[in-house]
């Protein structure tokens, strides 16, 4: 979802949209995104 949207539009979905898509809370998304950013695997937009 995130990668597809980023490639197609240059934007990433909101944390709420990601959470809804995968069935987790916004806080869980925030923790995972922080880890992905730290590892360089999430676009810094």
N, C-alpha and C. Protein backbone atom coordinates (compact mmCIF):
# COMPACT_ATOMS: atom_id res chain seq x y z
N UNK A 1 0.83 -1.19 0.00
CA UNK A 1 0.00 0.00 0.00
C UNK A 1 0.87 1.26 0.00
N UNK A 2 1.76 1.38 0.99
CA UNK A 2 2.59 2.58 1.10
C UNK A 2 3.49 2.71 -0.12
N UNK A 3 4.19 1.65 -0.45
CA UNK A 3 5.12 1.69 -1.57
C UNK A 3 4.39 2.00 -2.87
N UNK A 4 3.27 1.34 -3.10
CA UNK A 4 2.51 1.57 -4.33
C UNK A 4 2.07 3.02 -4.46
N UNK A 5 1.52 3.56 -3.37
CA UNK A 5 1.05 4.95 -3.42
C UNK A 5 2.23 5.90 -3.60
N UNK A 6 3.34 5.63 -2.94
CA UNK A 6 4.51 6.51 -3.05
C UNK A 6 5.05 6.51 -4.48
N UNK A 7 5.14 5.34 -5.08
CA UNK A 7 5.64 5.24 -6.46
C UNK A 7 4.70 5.95 -7.43
N UNK A 8 3.41 5.79 -7.23
CA UNK A 8 2.43 6.35 -8.16
C UNK A 8 2.23 7.85 -8.00
N UNK A 9 2.28 8.34 -6.75
CA UNK A 9 1.91 9.74 -6.52
C UNK A 9 3.00 10.58 -5.86
N UNK A 10 4.03 9.94 -5.31
CA UNK A 10 5.06 10.68 -4.58
C UNK A 10 4.64 11.05 -3.18
N UNK A 11 3.48 10.54 -2.74
CA UNK A 11 3.00 10.79 -1.38
C UNK A 11 2.80 9.46 -0.68
N UNK A 12 2.71 9.51 0.63
CA UNK A 12 2.44 8.30 1.40
C UNK A 12 1.08 8.46 2.09
N UNK A 13 0.40 7.34 2.35
CA UNK A 13 -0.89 7.43 3.05
C UNK A 13 -0.68 7.89 4.49
N UNK A 14 -1.74 8.40 5.10
CA UNK A 14 -1.66 8.82 6.50
C UNK A 14 -1.51 7.60 7.39
N UNK A 15 -1.06 7.84 8.61
CA UNK A 15 -0.93 6.74 9.56
C UNK A 15 -2.29 6.10 9.81
N UNK A 16 -3.34 6.91 9.84
CA UNK A 16 -4.68 6.37 10.05
C UNK A 16 -5.10 5.47 8.88
N UNK A 17 -4.78 5.89 7.66
CA UNK A 17 -5.11 5.07 6.49
C UNK A 17 -4.35 3.75 6.51
N UNK A 18 -3.08 3.80 6.87
CA UNK A 18 -2.30 2.56 6.96
C UNK A 18 -2.88 1.66 8.03
N UNK A 19 -3.19 2.21 9.19
CA UNK A 19 -3.76 1.42 10.28
C UNK A 19 -5.06 0.75 9.90
N UNK A 20 -5.92 1.49 9.23
CA UNK A 20 -7.19 0.93 8.78
C UNK A 20 -6.97 -0.20 7.78
N UNK A 21 -6.04 0.02 6.86
CA UNK A 21 -5.75 -0.98 5.83
C UNK A 21 -5.26 -2.30 6.43
N UNK A 22 -4.40 -2.22 7.44
CA UNK A 22 -3.81 -3.45 7.99
C UNK A 22 -4.43 -3.88 9.32
N UNK A 23 -5.35 -3.08 9.84
CA UNK A 23 -6.08 -3.48 11.04
C UNK A 23 -5.33 -3.30 12.34
N UNK A 24 -4.54 -2.20 12.43
CA UNK A 24 -3.83 -1.91 13.68
C UNK A 24 -4.09 -0.45 14.06
N UNK A 25 -3.69 -0.10 15.29
CA UNK A 25 -3.91 1.27 15.75
C UNK A 25 -2.91 2.24 15.12
N UNK A 26 -3.24 3.50 15.18
CA UNK A 26 -2.36 4.54 14.68
C UNK A 26 -1.03 4.52 15.44
N UNK A 27 -1.08 4.25 16.74
CA UNK A 27 0.14 4.19 17.55
C UNK A 27 1.06 3.06 17.08
N UNK A 28 0.47 1.93 16.73
CA UNK A 28 1.26 0.81 16.22
C UNK A 28 1.92 1.19 14.90
N UNK A 29 1.17 1.86 14.04
CA UNK A 29 1.73 2.32 12.77
C UNK A 29 2.89 3.28 13.05
N UNK A 30 2.72 4.19 13.97
CA UNK A 30 3.77 5.16 14.30
C UNK A 30 5.05 4.47 14.75
N UNK A 31 4.94 3.45 15.59
CA UNK A 31 6.13 2.72 16.04
C UNK A 31 6.83 2.03 14.88
N UNK A 32 6.08 1.42 14.02
CA UNK A 32 6.67 0.71 12.88
C UNK A 32 7.29 1.68 11.88
N UNK A 33 6.62 2.79 11.63
CA UNK A 33 7.18 3.77 10.71
C UNK A 33 8.48 4.35 11.27
N UNK A 34 8.53 4.61 12.57
CA UNK A 34 9.75 5.12 13.18
C UNK A 34 10.90 4.13 12.96
N UNK A 35 10.64 2.85 13.13
CA UNK A 35 11.67 1.84 12.92
C UNK A 35 12.09 1.77 11.45
N UNK A 36 11.11 1.88 10.54
CA UNK A 36 11.43 1.85 9.11
C UNK A 36 12.24 3.08 8.70
N UNK A 37 11.90 4.25 9.24
CA UNK A 37 12.66 5.46 8.93
C UNK A 37 14.10 5.32 9.44
N UNK A 38 14.24 4.78 10.64
CA UNK A 38 15.57 4.61 11.23
C UNK A 38 16.44 3.70 10.37
N UNK A 39 15.84 2.68 9.77
CA UNK A 39 16.59 1.74 8.95
C UNK A 39 16.75 2.23 7.51
N UNK A 40 16.08 3.35 7.17
CA UNK A 40 16.18 3.90 5.82
C UNK A 40 15.23 3.25 4.83
N UNK A 41 14.26 2.49 5.33
CA UNK A 41 13.33 1.77 4.46
C UNK A 41 11.98 2.46 4.29
N UNK A 42 11.86 3.71 4.71
CA UNK A 42 10.62 4.46 4.57
C UNK A 42 10.98 5.84 4.06
N UNK A 43 10.28 6.33 3.06
CA UNK A 43 10.63 7.64 2.52
C UNK A 43 10.47 8.74 3.56
N UNK A 44 11.45 9.60 3.64
CA UNK A 44 11.39 10.72 4.58
C UNK A 44 10.74 11.90 3.87
N UNK A 45 9.41 11.96 3.97
CA UNK A 45 8.65 12.99 3.27
C UNK A 45 8.10 14.01 4.23
